[in-house]
Amino acid sequence: MRFLQKLFFRIWYLRKPPWDTNQTPPELIAVIGESPPGRALDLGCGTGTNVIKLAEEGWQVTGVDFVPKAIQTAKKKARQAGVAVEFYVGDVTRLENINGFFDLILDIGCYHSLDSTGMAAYREQVKRLLAPGGTYMLYLFFRTEGQDARLSGSNASEADLLPFLDFMELVLREDSTERGKYRSSWLTYRRGFSPIDV
């Protein structure tokens, strides 16, 4: 992630960012409803809304965000909700302090903000941490053809999704638009149990 992008996100968290809705999306609620609780990891967790929801449903949850102010707010919200969760200030492309397998990895709007090098490193972290049989949920919006990523807020193209298929299967895709302007998708992947996947 470029310096100016990082600065942009840090400045937003001095106020209330537009993406911080304090509401868990129905796509995640549906997965929670049909999955037994396990270990979950929220990449780019912001102020922890979804981490807290998962914990309330019995999951053991870890949230990571690179903005200290977001993690500070997330910890406060978790204390107020009375749930025990782990939060880390960290880079989603380098998760050295996080180990073990996660049954669910969630990303709402993080992957698409990375450059191509960051995306490749991020995918390696997902590959390392997602349990056999685990679910990976990704919400992103796409860079508009010919548009500067700084204007759309996204660096992602369809090609940036293809490497995930090297170690996971796409089981659900729901296409929409973000803010009525940008093409967006909810994608749910599942990792197989084959020894070559682990």
C-alpha atoms as a PDB file:
ATOM      1  CA  MET A   1       0.000   0.000   0.000  1.00  0.00           C
ATOM      2  CA  ARG A   2       1.385   3.389  -0.955  1.00  0.00           C
ATOM      3  CA  PHE A   3       2.255   6.052   1.631  1.00  0.00           C
ATOM      4  CA  LEU A   4      -0.531   8.394   0.491  1.00  0.00           C
ATOM      5  CA  GLN A   5      -3.111   5.588   0.716  1.00  0.00           C
ATOM      6  CA  LYS A   6      -1.995   4.801   4.255  1.00  0.00           C
ATOM      7  CA  LEU A   7      -2.205   8.459   5.187  1.00  0.00           C
ATOM      8  CA  PHE A   8      -5.685   8.675   3.649  1.00  0.00           C
ATOM      9  CA  PHE A   9      -6.977   5.802   5.799  1.00  0.00           C
ATOM     10  CA  ARG A  10      -5.373   7.163   8.964  1.00  0.00           C
ATOM     11  CA  ILE A  11      -6.955  10.592   8.395  1.00  0.00           C
ATOM     12  CA  TRP A  12     -10.392   9.046   7.833  1.00  0.00           C
ATOM     13  CA  TYR A  13     -10.212   7.313  11.202  1.00  0.00           C
ATOM     14  CA  LEU A  14      -9.812  10.679  12.932  1.00  0.00           C
ATOM     15  CA  ARG A  15     -13.532  10.941  12.142  1.00  0.00           C
ATOM     16  CA  LYS A  16     -16.003   8.206  11.217  1.00  0.00           C
ATOM     17  CA  PRO A  17     -15.059   6.627   7.873  1.00  0.00           C
ATOM     18  CA  PRO A  18     -17.941   6.165   5.411  1.00  0.00           C
ATOM     19  CA  TRP A  19     -17.325   2.408   5.288  1.00  0.00           C
ATOM     20  CA  ASP A  20     -17.630   2.036   9.072  1.00  0.00           C
ATOM     21  CA  THR A  21     -21.360   1.268   9.203  1.00  0.00           C
ATOM     22  CA  ASN A  22     -21.410  -0.659  12.512  1.00  0.00           C
ATOM     23  CA  GLN A  23     -23.562  -3.250  10.737  1.00  0.00           C
ATOM     24  CA  THR A  24     -22.615  -6.814   9.903  1.00  0.00           C
ATOM     25  CA  PRO A  25     -23.475  -7.570   6.256  1.00  0.00           C
ATOM     26  CA  PRO A  26     -26.145 -10.203   5.560  1.00  0.00           C
ATOM     27  CA  GLU A  27     -23.630 -12.262   3.573  1.00  0.00           C
ATOM     28  CA  LEU A  28     -21.577 -12.835   6.723  1.00  0.00           C
ATOM     29  CA  ILE A  29     -24.669 -13.415   8.873  1.00  0.00           C
ATOM     30  CA  ALA A  30     -25.739 -16.157   6.445  1.00  0.00           C
ATOM     31  CA  VAL A  31     -22.363 -17.916   6.753  1.00  0.00           C
ATOM     32  CA  ILE A  32     -22.456 -17.623  10.560  1.00  0.00           C
ATOM     33  CA  GLY A  33     -25.926 -19.167  10.552  1.00  0.00           C
ATOM     34  CA  GLU A  34     -24.887 -22.236   8.579  1.00  0.00           C
ATOM     35  CA  SER A  35     -21.411 -22.832  10.055  1.00  0.00           C
ATOM     36  CA  PRO A  36     -20.411 -24.182  13.474  1.00  0.00           C
ATOM     37  CA  PRO A  37     -18.253 -21.709  15.417  1.00  0.00           C
ATOM     38  CA  GLY A  38     -14.511 -22.060  14.961  1.00  0.00           C
ATOM     39  CA  ARG A  39     -11.531 -19.748  14.538  1.00  0.00           C
ATOM     40  CA  ALA A  40     -12.043 -16.619  12.428  1.00  0.00           C
ATOM     41  CA  LEU A  41      -9.691 -13.931  11.122  1.00  0.00           C
ATOM     42  CA  ASP A  42     -10.853 -10.518   9.890  1.00  0.00           C
ATOM     43  CA  LEU A  43      -8.291  -8.864   7.588  1.00  0.00           C
ATOM     44  CA  GLY A  44      -8.682  -5.104   7.581  1.00  0.00           C
ATOM     45  CA  CYS A  45     -11.106  -5.322  10.500  1.00  0.00           C
ATOM     46  CA  GLY A  46     -11.507  -1.560  11.015  1.00  0.00           C
ATOM     47  CA  THR A  47     -13.292  -0.817  14.285  1.00  0.00           C
ATOM     48  CA  GLY A  48     -14.172  -4.468  14.851  1.00  0.00           C
ATOM     49  CA  THR A  49     -17.890  -4.657  14.078  1.00  0.00           C
ATOM     50  CA  ASN A  50     -17.673  -8.070  12.416  1.00  0.00           C
ATOM     51  CA  VAL A  51     -15.089  -9.415  14.855  1.00  0.00           C
ATOM     52  CA  ILE A  52     -17.479  -8.629  17.711  1.00  0.00           C
ATOM     53  CA  LYS A  53     -20.460 -10.176  15.908  1.00  0.00           C
ATOM     54  CA  LEU A  54     -18.540 -13.396  15.284  1.00  0.00           C
ATOM     55  CA  ALA A  55     -17.418 -13.517  18.929  1.00  0.00           C
ATOM     56  CA  GLU A  56     -20.998 -13.047  20.101  1.00  0.00           C
ATOM     57  CA  GLU A  57     -21.899 -16.098  18.008  1.00  0.00           C
ATOM     58  CA  GLY A  58     -19.256 -18.220  19.722  1.00  0.00           C
ATOM     59  CA  TRP A  59     -16.296 -17.829  17.363  1.00  0.00           C
ATOM     60  CA  GLN A  60     -12.705 -17.372  18.510  1.00  0.00           C
ATOM     61  CA  VAL A  61     -11.785 -14.261  16.543  1.00  0.00           C
ATOM     62  CA  THR A  62      -8.705 -12.247  15.583  1.00  0.00           C
ATOM     63  CA  GLY A  63      -8.863  -8.880  13.842  1.00  0.00           C
ATOM     64  CA  VAL A  64      -6.009  -7.097  12.058  1.00  0.00           C
ATOM     65  CA  ASP A  65      -5.832  -3.524  10.764  1.00  0.00           C
ATOM     66  CA  PHE A  66      -2.861  -1.263  10.071  1.00  0.00           C
ATOM     67  CA  VAL A  67      -4.553   1.867  11.502  1.00  0.00           C
ATOM     68  CA  PRO A  68      -3.841   2.152  15.254  1.00  0.00           C
ATOM     69  CA  LYS A  69      -6.879   4.392  15.829  1.00  0.00           C
ATOM     70  CA  ALA A  70      -9.181   1.762  14.288  1.00  0.00           C
ATOM     71  CA  ILE A  71      -7.762  -0.978  16.543  1.00  0.00           C
ATOM     72  CA  GLN A  72      -8.001   1.282  19.605  1.00  0.00           C
ATOM     73  CA  THR A  73     -11.704   1.852  18.854  1.00  0.00           C
ATOM     74  CA  ALA A  74     -12.231  -1.857  18.151  1.00  0.00           C
ATOM     75  CA  LYS A  75     -10.786  -2.836  21.537  1.00  0.00           C
ATOM     76  CA  LYS A  76     -13.064  -0.353  23.285  1.00  0.00           C
ATOM     77  CA  LYS A  77     -16.126  -1.668  21.433  1.00  0.00           C
ATOM     78  CA  ALA A  78     -15.206  -5.263  22.292  1.00  0.00           C
ATOM     79  CA  ARG A  79     -14.874  -4.397  26.004  1.00  0.00           C
ATOM     80  CA  GLN A  80     -18.272  -2.691  25.902  1.00  0.00           C
ATOM     81  CA  ALA A  81     -19.783  -5.757  24.214  1.00  0.00           C
ATOM     82  CA  GLY A  82     -18.212  -8.054  26.799  1.00  0.00           C
ATOM     83  CA  VAL A  83     -16.465 -10.322  24.297  1.00  0.00           C
ATOM     84  CA  ALA A  84     -12.937 -11.715  24.392  1.00  0.00           C
ATOM     85  CA  VAL A  85     -11.199 -11.192  21.036  1.00  0.00           C
ATOM     86  CA  GLU A  86      -7.692 -10.483  19.774  1.00  0.00           C
ATOM     87  CA  PHE A  87      -6.828  -7.333  17.837  1.00  0.00           C
ATOM     88  CA  TYR A  88      -3.508  -6.526  16.222  1.00  0.00           C
ATOM     89  CA  VAL A  89      -2.124  -3.457  14.511  1.00  0.00           C
ATOM     90  CA  GLY A  90      -0.476  -5.061  11.521  1.00  0.00           C
ATOM     91  CA  ASP A  91       0.084  -5.373   7.809  1.00  0.00           C
ATOM     92  CA  VAL A  92      -2.158  -7.979   6.135  1.00  0.00           C
ATOM     93  CA  THR A  93       0.670  -8.852   3.760  1.00  0.00           C
ATOM     94  CA  ARG A  94       2.968  -9.806   6.686  1.00  0.00           C
ATOM     95  CA  LEU A  95       1.176 -11.643   9.468  1.00  0.00           C
ATOM     96  CA  GLU A  96       4.212 -13.128  11.223  1.00  0.00           C
ATOM     97  CA  ASN A  97       2.536 -12.996  14.651  1.00  0.00           C
ATOM     98  CA  ILE A  98      -0.528 -14.965  13.554  1.00  0.00           C
ATOM     99  CA  ASN A  99      -0.324 -18.730  13.247  1.00  0.00           C
ATOM    100  CA  GLY A 100      -2.498 -21.808  13.136  1.00  0.00           C
ATOM    101  CA  PHE A 101      -5.459 -22.468  10.893  1.00  0.00           C
ATOM    102  CA  PHE A 102      -8.625 -20.392  10.652  1.00  0.00           C
ATOM    103  CA  ASP A 103     -11.983 -21.865   9.668  1.00  0.00           C
ATOM    104  CA  LEU A 104     -13.132 -18.494   8.346  1.00  0.00           C
ATOM    105  CA  ILE A 105     -11.120 -15.627   6.900  1.00  0.00           C
ATOM    106  CA  LEU A 106     -13.033 -12.429   6.151  1.00  0.00           C
ATOM    107  CA  ASP A 107     -12.040  -9.393   4.097  1.00  0.00           C
ATOM    108  CA  ILE A 108     -14.437  -6.533   3.484  1.00  0.00           C
ATOM    109  CA  GLY A 109     -12.642  -3.963   1.359  1.00  0.00           C
ATOM    110  CA  CYS A 110      -8.990  -4.641   2.171  1.00  0.00           C
ATOM    111  CA  TYR A 111      -7.561  -6.741  -0.684  1.00  0.00           C
ATOM    112  CA  HIS A 112      -8.619  -4.276  -3.375  1.00  0.00           C
ATOM    113  CA  SER A 113      -6.586  -1.471  -1.766  1.00  0.00           C
ATOM    114  CA  LEU A 114      -3.270  -3.304  -2.223  1.00  0.00           C
ATOM    115  CA  ASP A 115      -0.918  -3.008  -5.180  1.00  0.00           C
ATOM    116  CA  SER A 116      -0.009  -6.122  -7.177  1.00  0.00           C
ATOM    117  CA  THR A 117       2.978  -6.967  -4.958  1.00  0.00           C
ATOM    118  CA  GLY A 118       0.874  -6.570  -1.845  1.00  0.00           C
ATOM    119  CA  MET A 119      -1.901  -8.701  -3.321  1.00  0.00           C
ATOM    120  CA  ALA A 120       0.519 -11.542  -4.010  1.00  0.00           C
ATOM    121  CA  ALA A 121       1.886 -11.408  -0.449  1.00  0.00           C
ATOM    122  CA  TYR A 122      -1.645 -11.211   0.964  1.00  0.00           C
ATOM    123  CA  ARG A 123      -2.722 -14.312  -0.988  1.00  0.00           C
ATOM    124  CA  GLU A 124       0.208 -16.226   0.511  1.00  0.00           C
ATOM    125  CA  GLN A 125      -1.022 -15.300   3.980  1.00  0.00           C
ATOM    126  CA  VAL A 126      -4.536 -16.538   3.176  1.00  0.00           C
ATOM    127  CA  LYS A 127      -3.069 -19.746   1.765  1.00  0.00           C
ATOM    128  CA  ARG A 128      -0.958 -20.254   4.888  1.00  0.00           C
ATOM    129  CA  LEU A 129      -3.724 -19.531   7.402  1.00  0.00           C
ATOM    130  CA  LEU A 130      -6.952 -20.911   5.903  1.00  0.00           C
ATOM    131  CA  ALA A 131      -7.819 -24.335   7.308  1.00  0.00           C
ATOM    132  CA  PRO A 132      -8.596 -27.318   5.064  1.00  0.00           C
ATOM    133  CA  GLY A 133     -12.338 -27.083   4.517  1.00  0.00           C
ATOM    134  CA  GLY A 134     -12.221 -23.419   5.584  1.00  0.00           C
ATOM    135  CA  THR A 135     -14.164 -20.529   4.086  1.00  0.00           C
ATOM    136  CA  TYR A 136     -12.704 -17.298   2.726  1.00  0.00           C
ATOM    137  CA  MET A 137     -15.126 -14.389   2.210  1.00  0.00           C
ATOM    138  CA  LEU A 138     -14.041 -11.395   0.160  1.00  0.00           C
ATOM    139  CA  TYR A 139     -15.881  -8.185  -0.658  1.00  0.00           C
ATOM    140  CA  LEU A 140     -14.181  -5.883  -3.121  1.00  0.00           C
ATOM    141  CA  PHE A 141     -14.877  -3.394  -5.829  1.00  0.00           C
ATOM    142  CA  PHE A 142     -13.027  -3.202  -9.092  1.00  0.00           C
ATOM    143  CA  ARG A 143     -10.880  -0.589 -10.709  1.00  0.00           C
ATOM    144  CA  THR A 144     -12.729   1.023 -13.585  1.00  0.00           C
ATOM    145  CA  GLU A 145     -10.949   0.506 -16.910  1.00  0.00           C
ATOM    146  CA  GLY A 146      -8.689   3.470 -17.570  1.00  0.00           C
ATOM    147  CA  GLN A 147      -9.431   5.068 -14.189  1.00  0.00           C
ATOM    148  CA  ASP A 148      -6.779   5.996 -11.666  1.00  0.00           C
ATOM    149  CA  ALA A 149      -7.000   3.703  -8.631  1.00  0.00           C
ATOM    150  CA  ARG A 150      -6.802   6.765  -6.375  1.00  0.00           C
ATOM    151  CA  LEU A 151     -10.166   7.908  -7.707  1.00  0.00           C
ATOM    152  CA  SER A 152     -11.997   4.582  -7.475  1.00  0.00           C
ATOM    153  CA  GLY A 153     -10.268   3.462  -4.271  1.00  0.00           C
ATOM    154  CA  SER A 154      -9.545   0.093  -5.853  1.00  0.00           C
ATOM    155  CA  ASN A 155      -6.568  -1.504  -7.541  1.00  0.00           C
ATOM    156  CA  ALA A 156      -8.392  -4.780  -8.237  1.00  0.00           C
ATOM    157  CA  SER A 157      -9.209  -6.355 -11.574  1.00  0.00           C
ATOM    158  CA  GLU A 158     -10.774  -9.711 -12.434  1.00  0.00           C
ATOM    159  CA  ALA A 159      -7.271 -11.044 -13.057  1.00  0.00           C
ATOM    160  CA  ASP A 160      -6.392 -10.382  -9.415  1.00  0.00           C
ATOM    161  CA  LEU A 161      -8.965 -12.987  -8.343  1.00  0.00           C
ATOM    162  CA  LEU A 162      -7.639 -15.836 -10.481  1.00  0.00           C
ATOM    163  CA  PRO A 163      -4.692 -16.826  -8.221  1.00  0.00           C
ATOM    164  CA  PHE A 164      -7.107 -17.634  -5.380  1.00  0.00           C
ATOM    165  CA  LEU A 165      -8.348 -20.550  -7.505  1.00  0.00           C
ATOM    166  CA  ASP A 166      -4.923 -22.187  -7.198  1.00  0.00           C
ATOM    167  CA  PHE A 167      -5.787 -23.272  -3.656  1.00  0.00           C
ATOM    168  CA  MET A 168      -9.531 -22.660  -3.210  1.00  0.00           C
ATOM    169  CA  GLU A 169     -12.804 -23.208  -5.040  1.00  0.00           C
ATOM    170  CA  LEU A 170     -15.214 -20.346  -5.689  1.00  0.00           C
ATOM    171  CA  VAL A 171     -18.582 -21.476  -4.304  1.00  0.00           C
ATOM    172  CA  LEU A 172     -20.598 -18.246  -4.488  1.00  0.00           C
ATOM    173  CA  ARG A 173     -20.320 -14.914  -6.267  1.00  0.00           C
ATOM    174  CA  GLU A 174     -22.748 -12.008  -6.005  1.00  0.00           C
ATOM    175  CA  ASP A 175     -22.067  -9.009  -8.249  1.00  0.00           C
ATOM    176  CA  SER A 176     -23.340  -5.510  -7.531  1.00  0.00           C
ATOM    177  CA  THR A 177     -22.139  -1.903  -7.528  1.00  0.00           C
ATOM    178  CA  GLU A 178     -20.380   0.126  -4.864  1.00  0.00           C
ATOM    179  CA  ARG A 179     -21.854   3.596  -4.238  1.00  0.00           C
ATOM    180  CA  GLY A 180     -23.773   3.184  -7.477  1.00  0.00           C
ATOM    181  CA  LYS A 181     -20.541   3.735  -9.442  1.00  0.00           C
ATOM    182  CA  TYR A 182     -18.081   0.878  -9.161  1.00  0.00           C
ATOM    183  CA  ARG A 183     -18.551  -2.765 -10.016  1.00  0.00           C
ATOM    184  CA  SER A 184     -18.303  -4.842  -6.844  1.00  0.00           C
ATOM    185  CA  SER A 185     -18.524  -8.491  -5.772  1.00  0.00           C
ATOM    186  CA  TRP A 186     -19.030 -10.671  -2.741  1.00  0.00           C
ATOM    187  CA  LEU A 187     -17.049 -13.872  -3.234  1.00  0.00           C
ATOM    188  CA  THR A 188     -17.101 -16.958  -1.057  1.00  0.00           C
ATOM    189  CA  TYR A 189     -14.337 -19.524  -1.521  1.00  0.00           C
ATOM    190  CA  ARG A 190     -13.881 -22.897   0.115  1.00  0.00           C
ATOM    191  CA  ARG A 191     -10.625 -24.721   0.593  1.00  0.00           C
ATOM    192  CA  GLY A 192     -10.522 -28.426  -0.132  1.00  0.00           C
ATOM    193  CA  PHE A 193      -9.195 -31.179   2.126  1.00  0.00           C
ATOM    194  CA  SER A 194      -6.641 -32.494  -0.376  1.00  0.00           C
ATOM    195  CA  PRO A 195      -3.099 -32.873   1.032  1.00  0.00           C
ATOM    196  CA  ILE A 196      -1.789 -30.724  -1.817  1.00  0.00           C
ATOM    197  CA  ASP A 197      -3.773 -27.787  -0.423  1.00  0.00           C
ATOM    198  CA  VAL A 198      -2.157 -27.754   3.012  1.00  0.00           C
END
